[in-house]
Amino acid sequence: MHLILNKFTPLFFVFSGTMITLTSSSWLMAWAGLEVNMLAFIPIILTHNQLSNESALKYFFIQASGSIMLFLSAILLMNNHIMNSMDITNLLSSSMIPLALVLKLGAAPLHFWFPQVMEGLNWFASIMMLTWQKIAPLFLLTTYNLSSPFMYLVIMLSSIVGAVGGLNQLLLRKILAYSSINHLAWMIMSTLISINILFIYFIIYSLITLTIILILMSNNFIHLTQLMTNHYSLSLISVGLFLNLLSLGGMPPFMGFLPKWLVLTSLTSNALFLLSILLVLCSVLTLYFYMRISFNLLMMAPKLSWSNKSLTPLKSYIKLLSMSPIITLPLMIMM
């Protein structure tokens, strides 16, 4: 019982911290929620190896830096509201808030810590980092309703860094980290367009990422060279991983194409053609390293095997989940 509590207590506070931020009515309360979330997430990162301890330390310092900036901004905003002033402090607080949130998200140009932290995480902590930990900062960006040159710079740099940074990576967690930075460009763009598009994008991205990580985790894949030299037979799970990687890259007509199509439709309707072209070109680059993973897994398998023998219940569920990109094919055709 004590062991179960030790496992689920940090998770409870991670979820609680996010909910505090989502339901907050002031920046100070939102900051408090982010702090609860950060402090509860550190025990999830920590394991019994040196790399995870380093990742936890880096994560703490970066998030604490972002929290200090956000706290100071919240205090300045409260002071400006009370004094009804529009001086330099108001400009300073307005500049620090997006900077703090971008740092907490790990978006470019403040992305330097994100791949390094991801390198030392276990797969469960990776799932949390790539999905749940993005919710609160993205929500605050939406609430703040930012539409400044700085945010467009963040979108462009995140798209480029996420695409180029993943090209020469061999560690699968780092590849997913750079993929996440690229997807952050699309999600931050969604915060400037519509919260509904952001919600659709985040749900689909989280589902695909969860499926990919479950497949990698169930087969103990950590390094790209493991896929090059694997002796596993080609199975439905391998095909499912291939489809999910294409979906994560936004290949039509898979599920991952839908949110990108919604964002591109909004961009073109607002005559943001150059930004649309940049996002699409960088997505094509990300498809390259997804295809590299898929090629190693599919083409180098020694034999085909569709047998269900020796499948555990977990792998059976993963096999079913891995087919999720196909679910939206009829929907995409109808649209």
C-alpha atoms as a PDB file:
ATOM      1  CA  MET A   1       0.000   0.000   0.000  1.00  0.00           C
ATOM      2  CA  HIS A   2       2.855   2.350   0.906  1.00  0.00           C
ATOM      3  CA  LEU A   3       4.545   1.612  -2.461  1.00  0.00           C
ATOM      4  CA  ILE A   4       1.325   2.409  -4.367  1.00  0.00           C
ATOM      5  CA  LEU A   5       0.993   5.739  -2.529  1.00  0.00           C
ATOM      6  CA  ASN A   6       4.613   6.594  -3.333  1.00  0.00           C
ATOM      7  CA  LYS A   7       3.890   6.017  -7.035  1.00  0.00           C
ATOM      8  CA  PHE A   8       0.578   7.846  -7.316  1.00  0.00           C
ATOM      9  CA  THR A   9       1.099  10.778  -4.926  1.00  0.00           C
ATOM     10  CA  PRO A  10       3.437  12.671  -7.330  1.00  0.00           C
ATOM     11  CA  LEU A  11       1.027  12.004 -10.212  1.00  0.00           C
ATOM     12  CA  PHE A  12      -1.879  13.371  -8.168  1.00  0.00           C
ATOM     13  CA  PHE A  13      -0.020  16.617  -7.501  1.00  0.00           C
ATOM     14  CA  VAL A  14       1.164  16.856 -11.128  1.00  0.00           C
ATOM     15  CA  PHE A  15      -2.459  16.696 -12.291  1.00  0.00           C
ATOM     16  CA  SER A  16      -3.609  18.992  -9.462  1.00  0.00           C
ATOM     17  CA  GLY A  17      -1.004  21.625 -10.330  1.00  0.00           C
ATOM     18  CA  THR A  18      -2.158  21.697 -13.940  1.00  0.00           C
ATOM     19  CA  MET A  19      -5.817  21.952 -12.894  1.00  0.00           C
ATOM     20  CA  ILE A  20      -4.994  24.849 -10.533  1.00  0.00           C
ATOM     21  CA  THR A  21      -3.415  26.704 -13.465  1.00  0.00           C
ATOM     22  CA  LEU A  22      -6.311  25.937 -15.818  1.00  0.00           C
ATOM     23  CA  THR A  23      -8.906  27.200 -13.319  1.00  0.00           C
ATOM     24  CA  SER A  24      -6.934  30.177 -12.008  1.00  0.00           C
ATOM     25  CA  SER A  25      -8.297  33.699 -12.281  1.00  0.00           C
ATOM     26  CA  SER A  26      -4.973  35.485 -11.779  1.00  0.00           C
ATOM     27  CA  TRP A  27      -1.375  35.133 -12.890  1.00  0.00           C
ATOM     28  CA  LEU A  28      -0.274  34.589  -9.285  1.00  0.00           C
ATOM     29  CA  MET A  29      -2.594  31.592  -8.941  1.00  0.00           C
ATOM     30  CA  ALA A  30      -1.464  30.274 -12.332  1.00  0.00           C
ATOM     31  CA  TRP A  31       2.140  30.547 -11.139  1.00  0.00           C
ATOM     32  CA  ALA A  32       1.282  28.582  -7.981  1.00  0.00           C
ATOM     33  CA  GLY A  33      -0.244  25.795 -10.084  1.00  0.00           C
ATOM     34  CA  LEU A  34       2.866  25.607 -12.265  1.00  0.00           C
ATOM     35  CA  GLU A  35       5.040  25.365  -9.143  1.00  0.00           C
ATOM     36  CA  VAL A  36       3.002  22.489  -7.708  1.00  0.00           C
ATOM     37  CA  ASN A  37       3.205  20.727 -11.063  1.00  0.00           C
ATOM     38  CA  MET A  38       6.983  21.205 -11.346  1.00  0.00           C
ATOM     39  CA  LEU A  39       7.819  20.044  -7.816  1.00  0.00           C
ATOM     40  CA  ALA A  40       5.604  16.963  -8.175  1.00  0.00           C
ATOM     41  CA  PHE A  41       7.080  16.027 -11.558  1.00  0.00           C
ATOM     42  CA  ILE A  42      10.692  15.880 -10.313  1.00  0.00           C
ATOM     43  CA  PRO A  43      10.171  12.626  -8.294  1.00  0.00           C
ATOM     44  CA  ILE A  44       8.716  11.067 -11.471  1.00  0.00           C
ATOM     45  CA  ILE A  45      11.919  11.940 -13.350  1.00  0.00           C
ATOM     46  CA  LEU A  46      14.224  10.594 -10.652  1.00  0.00           C
ATOM     47  CA  THR A  47      15.318   6.970 -10.915  1.00  0.00           C
ATOM     48  CA  HIS A  48      18.379   5.074  -9.716  1.00  0.00           C
ATOM     49  CA  ASN A  49      20.795   6.259 -12.409  1.00  0.00           C
ATOM     50  CA  GLN A  50      23.037   9.275 -12.854  1.00  0.00           C
ATOM     51  CA  LEU A  51      21.520  10.428 -16.147  1.00  0.00           C
ATOM     52  CA  SER A  52      18.016  10.792 -14.707  1.00  0.00           C
ATOM     53  CA  ASN A  53      19.399  12.720 -11.719  1.00  0.00           C
ATOM     54  CA  GLU A  54      21.126  15.142 -14.090  1.00  0.00           C
ATOM     55  CA  SER A  55      17.901  15.512 -16.080  1.00  0.00           C
ATOM     56  CA  ALA A  56      15.947  16.248 -12.896  1.00  0.00           C
ATOM     57  CA  LEU A  57      18.479  18.905 -11.869  1.00  0.00           C
ATOM     58  CA  LYS A  58      18.423  20.569 -15.312  1.00  0.00           C
ATOM     59  CA  TYR A  59      14.625  20.455 -15.375  1.00  0.00           C
ATOM     60  CA  PHE A  60      14.417  22.052 -11.920  1.00  0.00           C
ATOM     61  CA  PHE A  61      16.789  24.930 -12.726  1.00  0.00           C
ATOM     62  CA  ILE A  62      15.130  25.737 -16.056  1.00  0.00           C
ATOM     63  CA  GLN A  63      11.589  25.565 -14.695  1.00  0.00           C
ATOM     64  CA  ALA A  64      12.598  27.567 -11.620  1.00  0.00           C
ATOM     65  CA  SER A  65      14.068  30.261 -13.897  1.00  0.00           C
ATOM     66  CA  GLY A  66      10.821  30.423 -15.850  1.00  0.00           C
ATOM     67  CA  SER A  67       8.822  30.513 -12.613  1.00  0.00           C
ATOM     68  CA  ILE A  68      10.861  33.444 -11.251  1.00  0.00           C
ATOM     69  CA  MET A  69      10.212  35.407 -14.448  1.00  0.00           C
ATOM     70  CA  LEU A  70       6.500  34.562 -14.324  1.00  0.00           C
ATOM     71  CA  PHE A  71       6.240  35.451 -10.623  1.00  0.00           C
ATOM     72  CA  LEU A  72       7.911  38.833 -11.143  1.00  0.00           C
ATOM     73  CA  SER A  73       5.610  39.498 -14.106  1.00  0.00           C
ATOM     74  CA  ALA A  74       2.544  38.607 -12.023  1.00  0.00           C
ATOM     75  CA  ILE A  75       3.645  40.984  -9.236  1.00  0.00           C
ATOM     76  CA  LEU A  76       4.307  43.788 -11.737  1.00  0.00           C
ATOM     77  CA  LEU A  77       0.920  43.262 -13.395  1.00  0.00           C
ATOM     78  CA  MET A  78      -0.844  43.385 -10.020  1.00  0.00           C
ATOM     79  CA  ASN A  79       1.049  46.565  -9.127  1.00  0.00           C
ATOM     80  CA  ASN A  80       0.177  48.176 -12.470  1.00  0.00           C
ATOM     81  CA  HIS A  81      -3.475  47.254 -11.994  1.00  0.00           C
ATOM     82  CA  ILE A  82      -3.583  48.761  -8.497  1.00  0.00           C
ATOM     83  CA  MET A  83      -1.653  51.916  -9.428  1.00  0.00           C
ATOM     84  CA  ASN A  84      -3.373  52.147 -12.849  1.00  0.00           C
ATOM     85  CA  SER A  85       0.002  52.856 -14.430  1.00  0.00           C
ATOM     86  CA  MET A  86       1.184  52.263 -17.986  1.00  0.00           C
ATOM     87  CA  ASP A  87       4.910  52.815 -17.490  1.00  0.00           C
ATOM     88  CA  ILE A  88       8.002  50.777 -18.273  1.00  0.00           C
ATOM     89  CA  THR A  89       7.061  48.098 -15.697  1.00  0.00           C
ATOM     90  CA  ASN A  90       3.932  47.253 -17.690  1.00  0.00           C
ATOM     91  CA  LEU A  91       6.023  46.803 -20.835  1.00  0.00           C
ATOM     92  CA  LEU A  92       8.535  44.702 -18.882  1.00  0.00           C
ATOM     93  CA  SER A  93       5.881  42.379 -17.439  1.00  0.00           C
ATOM     94  CA  SER A  94       4.224  41.988 -20.839  1.00  0.00           C
ATOM     95  CA  SER A  95       7.562  40.940 -22.339  1.00  0.00           C
ATOM     96  CA  MET A  96       8.566  38.574 -19.539  1.00  0.00           C
ATOM     97  CA  ILE A  97       5.370  36.489 -19.547  1.00  0.00           C
ATOM     98  CA  PRO A  98       5.715  35.059 -23.092  1.00  0.00           C
ATOM     99  CA  LEU A  99       9.465  34.593 -22.535  1.00  0.00           C
ATOM    100  CA  ALA A 100       8.824  32.595 -19.345  1.00  0.00           C
ATOM    101  CA  LEU A 101       6.151  30.426 -20.971  1.00  0.00           C
ATOM    102  CA  VAL A 102       8.309  29.716 -24.034  1.00  0.00           C
ATOM    103  CA  LEU A 103      11.166  28.691 -21.718  1.00  0.00           C
ATOM    104  CA  LYS A 104       8.877  26.369 -19.750  1.00  0.00           C
ATOM    105  CA  LEU A 105       7.571  24.785 -22.962  1.00  0.00           C
ATOM    106  CA  GLY A 106      11.030  24.237 -24.399  1.00  0.00           C
ATOM    107  CA  ALA A 107      10.227  26.036 -27.642  1.00  0.00           C
ATOM    108  CA  ALA A 108      12.984  27.651 -29.726  1.00  0.00           C
ATOM    109  CA  PRO A 109      15.045  29.749 -29.193  1.00  0.00           C
ATOM    110  CA  LEU A 110      14.869  28.597 -25.530  1.00  0.00           C
ATOM    111  CA  HIS A 111      14.824  24.911 -26.427  1.00  0.00           C
ATOM    112  CA  PHE A 112      18.421  24.057 -25.453  1.00  0.00           C
ATOM    113  CA  TRP A 113      17.438  22.185 -22.268  1.00  0.00           C
ATOM    114  CA  PHE A 114      14.604  20.076 -23.658  1.00  0.00           C
ATOM    115  CA  PRO A 115      16.500  17.387 -25.675  1.00  0.00           C
ATOM    116  CA  GLN A 116      19.101  17.111 -22.900  1.00  0.00           C
ATOM    117  CA  VAL A 117      16.457  16.480 -20.253  1.00  0.00           C
ATOM    118  CA  MET A 118      14.589  14.021 -22.492  1.00  0.00           C
ATOM    119  CA  GLU A 119      17.795  12.019 -22.943  1.00  0.00           C
ATOM    120  CA  GLY A 120      17.813  11.033 -19.265  1.00  0.00           C
ATOM    121  CA  LEU A 121      14.123  10.220 -18.808  1.00  0.00           C
ATOM    122  CA  ASN A 122      12.445   6.837 -18.670  1.00  0.00           C
ATOM    123  CA  TRP A 123       9.600   6.203 -21.093  1.00  0.00           C
ATOM    124  CA  PHE A 124       6.820   7.056 -18.617  1.00  0.00           C
ATOM    125  CA  ALA A 125       8.398  10.399 -17.725  1.00  0.00           C
ATOM    126  CA  SER A 126       8.921  10.995 -21.466  1.00  0.00           C
ATOM    127  CA  ILE A 127       5.203  10.534 -22.123  1.00  0.00           C
ATOM    128  CA  MET A 128       4.398  13.046 -19.383  1.00  0.00           C
ATOM    129  CA  MET A 129       7.005  15.530 -20.603  1.00  0.00           C
ATOM    130  CA  LEU A 130       5.852  15.373 -24.230  1.00  0.00           C
ATOM    131  CA  THR A 131       2.137  15.635 -23.461  1.00  0.00           C
ATOM    132  CA  TRP A 132       0.748  16.605 -20.046  1.00  0.00           C
ATOM    133  CA  GLN A 133       3.517  19.058 -19.113  1.00  0.00           C
ATOM    134  CA  LYS A 134       2.660  21.208 -22.139  1.00  0.00           C
ATOM    135  CA  ILE A 135      -0.982  21.773 -21.175  1.00  0.00           C
ATOM    136  CA  ALA A 136      -0.636  24.568 -18.601  1.00  0.00           C
ATOM    137  CA  PRO A 137       1.898  26.774 -20.485  1.00  0.00           C
ATOM    138  CA  LEU A 138      -0.061  26.418 -23.751  1.00  0.00           C
ATOM    139  CA  PHE A 139      -3.288  27.344 -21.952  1.00  0.00           C
ATOM    140  CA  LEU A 140      -1.641  30.448 -20.489  1.00  0.00           C
ATOM    141  CA  LEU A 141      -0.377  31.447 -23.939  1.00  0.00           C
ATOM    142  CA  THR A 142      -3.948  31.149 -25.218  1.00  0.00           C
ATOM    143  CA  THR A 143      -5.291  33.169 -22.278  1.00  0.00           C
ATOM    144  CA  TYR A 144      -2.695  35.900 -22.747  1.00  0.00           C
ATOM    145  CA  ASN A 145      -3.774  36.155 -26.413  1.00  0.00           C
ATOM    146  CA  LEU A 146      -0.290  36.915 -27.689  1.00  0.00           C
ATOM    147  CA  SER A 147       0.110  38.039 -31.265  1.00  0.00           C
ATOM    148  CA  SER A 148       3.488  39.745 -31.315  1.00  0.00           C
ATOM    149  CA  PRO A 149       6.547  39.584 -33.592  1.00  0.00           C
ATOM    150  CA  PHE A 150       8.292  37.619 -30.822  1.00  0.00           C
ATOM    151  CA  MET A 151       5.692  34.842 -30.945  1.00  0.00           C
ATOM    152  CA  TYR A 152       5.943  34.582 -34.734  1.00  0.00           C
ATOM    153  CA  LEU A 153       9.732  34.357 -34.322  1.00  0.00           C
ATOM    154  CA  VAL A 154       9.235  31.529 -31.790  1.00  0.00           C
ATOM    155  CA  ILE A 155       6.945  29.710 -34.242  1.00  0.00           C
ATOM    156  CA  MET A 156       9.416  29.974 -37.130  1.00  0.00           C
ATOM    157  CA  LEU A 157      12.474  29.020 -35.060  1.00  0.00           C
ATOM    158  CA  SER A 158      10.692  26.095 -33.375  1.00  0.00           C
ATOM    159  CA  SER A 159       9.626  24.757 -36.741  1.00  0.00           C
ATOM    160  CA  ILE A 160      13.168  24.985 -38.154  1.00  0.00           C
ATOM    161  CA  VAL A 161      15.024  23.751 -35.045  1.00  0.00           C
ATOM    162  CA  GLY A 162      12.631  20.835 -34.563  1.00  0.00           C
ATOM    163  CA  ALA A 163      13.085  19.726 -38.164  1.00  0.00           C
ATOM    164  CA  VAL A 164      16.844  20.223 -38.534  1.00  0.00           C
ATOM    165  CA  GLY A 165      17.788  19.170 -34.992  1.00  0.00           C
ATOM    166  CA  GLY A 166      16.323  15.696 -35.334  1.00  0.00           C
ATOM    167  CA  LEU A 167      18.124  14.803 -38.561  1.00  0.00           C
ATOM    168  CA  ASN A 168      21.382  13.521 -37.057  1.00  0.00           C
ATOM    169  CA  GLN A 169      19.995  12.079 -33.824  1.00  0.00           C
ATOM    170  CA  LEU A 170      20.307   8.389 -32.973  1.00  0.00           C
ATOM    171  CA  LEU A 171      18.647   8.336 -29.550  1.00  0.00           C
ATOM    172  CA  LEU A 172      14.909   7.801 -29.997  1.00  0.00           C
ATOM    173  CA  ARG A 173      13.986  10.036 -27.055  1.00  0.00           C
ATOM    174  CA  LYS A 174      15.973  12.908 -28.576  1.00  0.00           C
ATOM    175  CA  ILE A 175      14.264  12.361 -31.929  1.00  0.00           C
ATOM    176  CA  LEU A 176      10.884  12.603 -30.182  1.00  0.00           C
ATOM    177  CA  ALA A 177      12.115  15.722 -28.340  1.00  0.00           C
ATOM    178  CA  TYR A 178      12.983  17.543 -31.572  1.00  0.00           C
ATOM    179  CA  SER A 179       9.734  16.303 -33.081  1.00  0.00           C
ATOM    180  CA  SER A 180       7.944  17.859 -30.113  1.00  0.00           C
ATOM    181  CA  ILE A 181       9.709  21.195 -30.690  1.00  0.00           C
ATOM    182  CA  ASN A 182       8.505  21.144 -34.305  1.00  0.00           C
ATOM    183  CA  HIS A 183       4.949  20.360 -33.198  1.00  0.00           C
ATOM    184  CA  LEU A 184       5.161  23.184 -30.652  1.00  0.00           C
ATOM    185  CA  ALA A 185       5.444  25.597 -33.585  1.00  0.00           C
ATOM    186  CA  TRP A 186       2.076  24.355 -34.853  1.00  0.00           C
ATOM    187  CA  MET A 187       0.509  24.377 -31.375  1.00  0.00           C
ATOM    188  CA  ILE A 188       1.720  27.898 -30.563  1.00  0.00           C
ATOM    189  CA  MET A 189       0.352  28.983 -33.931  1.00  0.00           C
ATOM    190  CA  SER A 190      -2.946  27.382 -32.897  1.00  0.00           C
ATOM    191  CA  THR A 191      -3.011  29.511 -29.724  1.00  0.00           C
ATOM    192  CA  LEU A 192      -3.050  32.593 -31.961  1.00  0.00           C
ATOM    193  CA  ILE A 193      -5.857  31.201 -34.135  1.00  0.00           C
ATOM    194  CA  SER A 194      -8.400  29.260 -32.089  1.00  0.00           C
ATOM    195  CA  ILE A 195      -8.470  27.338 -28.822  1.00  0.00           C
ATOM    196  CA  ASN A 196     -10.623  24.698 -30.549  1.00  0.00           C
ATOM    197  CA  ILE A 197      -7.899  24.008 -33.129  1.00  0.00           C
ATOM    198  CA  LEU A 198      -5.318  23.875 -30.317  1.00  0.00           C
ATOM    199  CA  PHE A 199      -7.468  21.340 -28.447  1.00  0.00           C
ATOM    200  CA  ILE A 200      -7.855  19.122 -31.537  1.00  0.00           C
ATOM    201  CA  TYR A 201      -4.138  19.363 -32.335  1.00  0.00           C
ATOM    202  CA  PHE A 202      -3.036  18.556 -28.794  1.00  0.00           C
ATOM    203  CA  ILE A 203      -5.376  15.569 -28.382  1.00  0.00           C
ATOM    204  CA  ILE A 204      -4.323  14.003 -31.702  1.00  0.00           C
ATOM    205  CA  TYR A 205      -0.615  14.710 -31.081  1.00  0.00           C
ATOM    206  CA  SER A 206      -0.839  13.194 -27.583  1.00  0.00           C
ATOM    207  CA  LEU A 207      -2.635  10.069 -28.814  1.00  0.00           C
ATOM    208  CA  ILE A 208      -0.081   9.425 -31.580  1.00  0.00           C
ATOM    209  CA  THR A 209       2.896  10.133 -29.285  1.00  0.00           C
ATOM    210  CA  LEU A 210       1.483   7.848 -26.595  1.00  0.00           C
ATOM    211  CA  THR A 211       1.031   5.036 -29.123  1.00  0.00           C
ATOM    212  CA  ILE A 212       4.574   5.399 -30.510  1.00  0.00           C
ATOM    213  CA  ILE A 213       6.153   5.426 -27.042  1.00  0.00           C
ATOM    214  CA  LEU A 214       4.132   2.391 -25.916  1.00  0.00           C
ATOM    215  CA  ILE A 215       5.366   0.462 -28.972  1.00  0.00           C
ATOM    216  CA  LEU A 216       8.997   1.502 -28.380  1.00  0.00           C
ATOM    217  CA  MET A 217       8.725   0.754 -24.670  1.00  0.00           C
ATOM    218  CA  SER A 218       7.152  -2.686 -25.164  1.00  0.00           C
ATOM    219  CA  ASN A 219      10.017  -3.678 -27.510  1.00  0.00           C
ATOM    220  CA  ASN A 220      12.766  -2.047 -25.386  1.00  0.00           C
ATOM    221  CA  PHE A 221      13.833   0.226 -28.252  1.00  0.00           C
ATOM    222  CA  ILE A 222      15.973   3.145 -27.035  1.00  0.00           C
ATOM    223  CA  HIS A 223      18.530   3.702 -29.802  1.00  0.00           C
ATOM    224  CA  LEU A 224      18.082   3.919 -33.562  1.00  0.00           C
ATOM    225  CA  THR A 225      20.789   1.299 -34.076  1.00  0.00           C
ATOM    226  CA  GLN A 226      18.568  -1.210 -32.261  1.00  0.00           C
ATOM    227  CA  LEU A 227      16.124  -0.880 -35.148  1.00  0.00           C
ATOM    228  CA  MET A 228      18.929  -1.337 -37.670  1.00  0.00           C
ATOM    229  CA  THR A 229      20.118  -4.563 -36.074  1.00  0.00           C
ATOM    230  CA  ASN A 230      16.857  -5.875 -34.666  1.00  0.00           C
ATOM    231  CA  HIS A 231      16.120  -9.570 -34.981  1.00  0.00           C
ATOM    232  CA  TYR A 232      12.396  -9.237 -34.420  1.00  0.00           C
ATOM    233  CA  SER A 233      10.065 -10.457 -37.103  1.00  0.00           C
ATOM    234  CA  LEU A 234       7.889  -7.931 -38.877  1.00  0.00           C
ATOM    235  CA  SER A 235       4.492  -7.866 -37.199  1.00  0.00           C
ATOM    236  CA  LEU A 236       1.317  -5.830 -37.044  1.00  0.00           C
ATOM    237  CA  ILE A 237       2.893  -3.726 -34.271  1.00  0.00           C
ATOM    238  CA  SER A 238       5.781  -2.803 -36.610  1.00  0.00           C
ATOM    239  CA  VAL A 239       3.320  -1.747 -39.289  1.00  0.00           C
ATOM    240  CA  GLY A 240       1.388   0.176 -36.635  1.00  0.00           C
ATOM    241  CA  LEU A 241       4.552   2.034 -35.626  1.00  0.00           C
ATOM    242  CA  PHE A 242       5.206   2.851 -39.290  1.00  0.00           C
ATOM    243  CA  LEU A 243       1.675   4.270 -39.694  1.00  0.00           C
ATOM    244  CA  ASN A 244       1.868   6.265 -36.465  1.00  0.00           C
ATOM    245  CA  LEU A 245       5.199   7.809 -37.458  1.00  0.00           C
ATOM    246  CA  LEU A 246       3.707   8.891 -40.785  1.00  0.00           C
ATOM    247  CA  SER A 247       0.720  10.266 -38.897  1.00  0.00           C
ATOM    248  CA  LEU A 248       2.978  12.174 -36.469  1.00  0.00           C
ATOM    249  CA  GLY A 249       4.726  13.729 -39.456  1.00  0.00           C
ATOM    250  CA  GLY A 250       1.385  14.924 -40.815  1.00  0.00           C
ATOM    251  CA  MET A 251       1.282  12.674 -43.864  1.00  0.00           C
ATOM    252  CA  PRO A 252      -2.184  12.800 -45.493  1.00  0.00           C
ATOM    253  CA  PRO A 253      -4.617  11.187 -45.122  1.00  0.00           C
ATOM    254  CA  PHE A 254      -3.633   9.951 -41.640  1.00  0.00           C
ATOM    255  CA  MET A 255      -4.943  11.355 -38.375  1.00  0.00           C
ATOM    256  CA  GLY A 256      -1.967  13.677 -37.803  1.00  0.00           C
ATOM    257  CA  PHE A 257      -2.716  15.544 -41.026  1.00  0.00           C
ATOM    258  CA  LEU A 258      -6.099  16.808 -39.771  1.00  0.00           C
ATOM    259  CA  PRO A 259      -4.885  19.400 -37.192  1.00  0.00           C
ATOM    260  CA  LYS A 260      -2.135  20.637 -39.522  1.00  0.00           C
ATOM    261  CA  TRP A 261      -4.688  21.043 -42.287  1.00  0.00           C
ATOM    262  CA  LEU A 262      -6.899  23.101 -39.926  1.00  0.00           C
ATOM    263  CA  VAL A 263      -3.960  25.362 -39.016  1.00  0.00           C
ATOM    264  CA  LEU A 264      -2.923  25.787 -42.666  1.00  0.00           C
ATOM    265  CA  THR A 265      -6.494  26.637 -43.665  1.00  0.00           C
ATOM    266  CA  SER A 266      -6.585  29.420 -41.065  1.00  0.00           C
ATOM    267  CA  LEU A 267      -3.147  30.708 -42.073  1.00  0.00           C
ATOM    268  CA  THR A 268      -3.969  30.892 -45.767  1.00  0.00           C
ATOM    269  CA  SER A 269      -7.304  32.583 -45.046  1.00  0.00           C
ATOM    270  CA  ASN A 270      -5.315  35.280 -43.198  1.00  0.00           C
ATOM    271  CA  ALA A 271      -2.829  35.587 -46.106  1.00  0.00           C
ATOM    272  CA  LEU A 272       0.111  34.224 -44.065  1.00  0.00           C
ATOM    273  CA  PHE A 273       1.482  32.311 -47.034  1.00  0.00           C
ATOM    274  CA  LEU A 274       5.217  32.483 -46.221  1.00  0.00           C
ATOM    275  CA  LEU A 275       4.651  31.143 -42.710  1.00  0.00           C
ATOM    276  CA  SER A 276       2.485  28.355 -44.135  1.00  0.00           C
ATOM    277  CA  ILE A 277       5.218  27.368 -46.610  1.00  0.00           C
ATOM    278  CA  LEU A 278       7.862  27.345 -43.847  1.00  0.00           C
ATOM    279  CA  LEU A 279       5.743  25.121 -41.588  1.00  0.00           C
ATOM    280  CA  VAL A 280       5.022  22.684 -44.422  1.00  0.00           C
ATOM    281  CA  LEU A 281       8.674  22.480 -45.548  1.00  0.00           C
ATOM    282  CA  CYS A 282       9.848  21.799 -42.000  1.00  0.00           C
ATOM    283  CA  SER A 283       7.166  19.128 -41.599  1.00  0.00           C
ATOM    284  CA  VAL A 284       8.518  17.429 -44.720  1.00  0.00           C
ATOM    285  CA  LEU A 285      11.976  17.421 -43.092  1.00  0.00           C
ATOM    286  CA  THR A 286      10.572  15.769 -39.959  1.00  0.00           C
ATOM    287  CA  LEU A 287       8.993  13.115 -42.156  1.00  0.00           C
ATOM    288  CA  TYR A 288      12.512  12.207 -43.294  1.00  0.00           C
ATOM    289  CA  PHE A 289      13.690  11.054 -39.881  1.00  0.00           C
ATOM    290  CA  TYR A 290      10.345   9.356 -39.212  1.00  0.00           C
ATOM    291  CA  MET A 291      10.802   7.466 -42.470  1.00  0.00           C
ATOM    292  CA  ARG A 292      14.363   6.560 -41.438  1.00  0.00           C
ATOM    293  CA  ILE A 293      13.021   4.887 -38.289  1.00  0.00           C
ATOM    294  CA  SER A 294      10.281   3.144 -40.268  1.00  0.00           C
ATOM    295  CA  PHE A 295      12.691   1.898 -42.945  1.00  0.00           C
ATOM    296  CA  ASN A 296      15.006   0.376 -40.346  1.00  0.00           C
ATOM    297  CA  LEU A 297      12.109  -1.358 -38.637  1.00  0.00           C
ATOM    298  CA  LEU A 298      10.279  -2.652 -41.714  1.00  0.00           C
ATOM    299  CA  MET A 299      12.923  -3.297 -44.352  1.00  0.00           C
ATOM    300  CA  MET A 300      15.502  -4.975 -42.136  1.00  0.00           C
ATOM    301  CA  ALA A 301      13.171  -7.417 -40.405  1.00  0.00           C
ATOM    302  CA  PRO A 302      14.258 -11.008 -41.187  1.00  0.00           C
ATOM    303  CA  LYS A 303      10.776 -12.316 -41.870  1.00  0.00           C
ATOM    304  CA  LEU A 304       7.095 -11.510 -41.893  1.00  0.00           C
ATOM    305  CA  SER A 305       5.041 -12.748 -38.980  1.00  0.00           C
ATOM    306  CA  TRP A 306       1.426 -11.941 -38.247  1.00  0.00           C
ATOM    307  CA  SER A 307       1.144 -14.508 -35.474  1.00  0.00           C
ATOM    308  CA  ASN A 308      -0.358 -13.561 -32.102  1.00  0.00           C
ATOM    309  CA  LYS A 309       1.727 -16.124 -30.222  1.00  0.00           C
ATOM    310  CA  SER A 310       3.570 -14.944 -27.115  1.00  0.00           C
ATOM    311  CA  LEU A 311       1.675 -11.650 -27.074  1.00  0.00           C
ATOM    312  CA  THR A 312       1.040 -10.325 -23.562  1.00  0.00           C
ATOM    313  CA  PRO A 313      -2.286  -8.549 -22.849  1.00  0.00           C
ATOM    314  CA  LEU A 314      -0.425  -5.209 -22.884  1.00  0.00           C
ATOM    315  CA  LYS A 315       1.048  -5.893 -26.327  1.00  0.00           C
ATOM    316  CA  SER A 316      -2.387  -6.916 -27.583  1.00  0.00           C
ATOM    317  CA  TYR A 317      -3.801  -3.546 -26.512  1.00  0.00           C
ATOM    318  CA  ILE A 318      -0.806  -1.757 -28.054  1.00  0.00           C
ATOM    319  CA  LYS A 319      -1.378  -3.635 -31.312  1.00  0.00           C
ATOM    320  CA  LEU A 320      -4.991  -2.404 -31.352  1.00  0.00           C
ATOM    321  CA  LEU A 321      -3.954   1.150 -30.450  1.00  0.00           C
ATOM    322  CA  SER A 322      -1.246   1.176 -33.115  1.00  0.00           C
ATOM    323  CA  MET A 323      -3.918   0.998 -35.794  1.00  0.00           C
ATOM    324  CA  SER A 324      -5.445   4.304 -34.616  1.00  0.00           C
ATOM    325  CA  PRO A 325      -4.151   6.379 -37.596  1.00  0.00           C
ATOM    326  CA  ILE A 326      -6.358   4.320 -39.932  1.00  0.00           C
ATOM    327  CA  ILE A 327      -9.488   5.206 -37.948  1.00  0.00           C
ATOM    328  CA  THR A 328      -9.648   8.694 -39.446  1.00  0.00           C
ATOM    329  CA  LEU A 329      -9.078   7.630 -43.061  1.00  0.00           C
ATOM    330  CA  PRO A 330     -12.812   7.561 -43.934  1.00  0.00           C
ATOM    331  CA  LEU A 331     -13.258  10.889 -42.113  1.00  0.00           C
ATOM    332  CA  MET A 332     -10.445  12.531 -44.077  1.00  0.00           C
ATOM    333  CA  ILE A 333     -11.866  11.232 -47.360  1.00  0.00           C
ATOM    334  CA  MET A 334     -15.316  12.618 -46.487  1.00  0.00           C
ATOM    335  CA  MET A 335     -13.812  16.017 -45.640  1.00  0.00           C
END
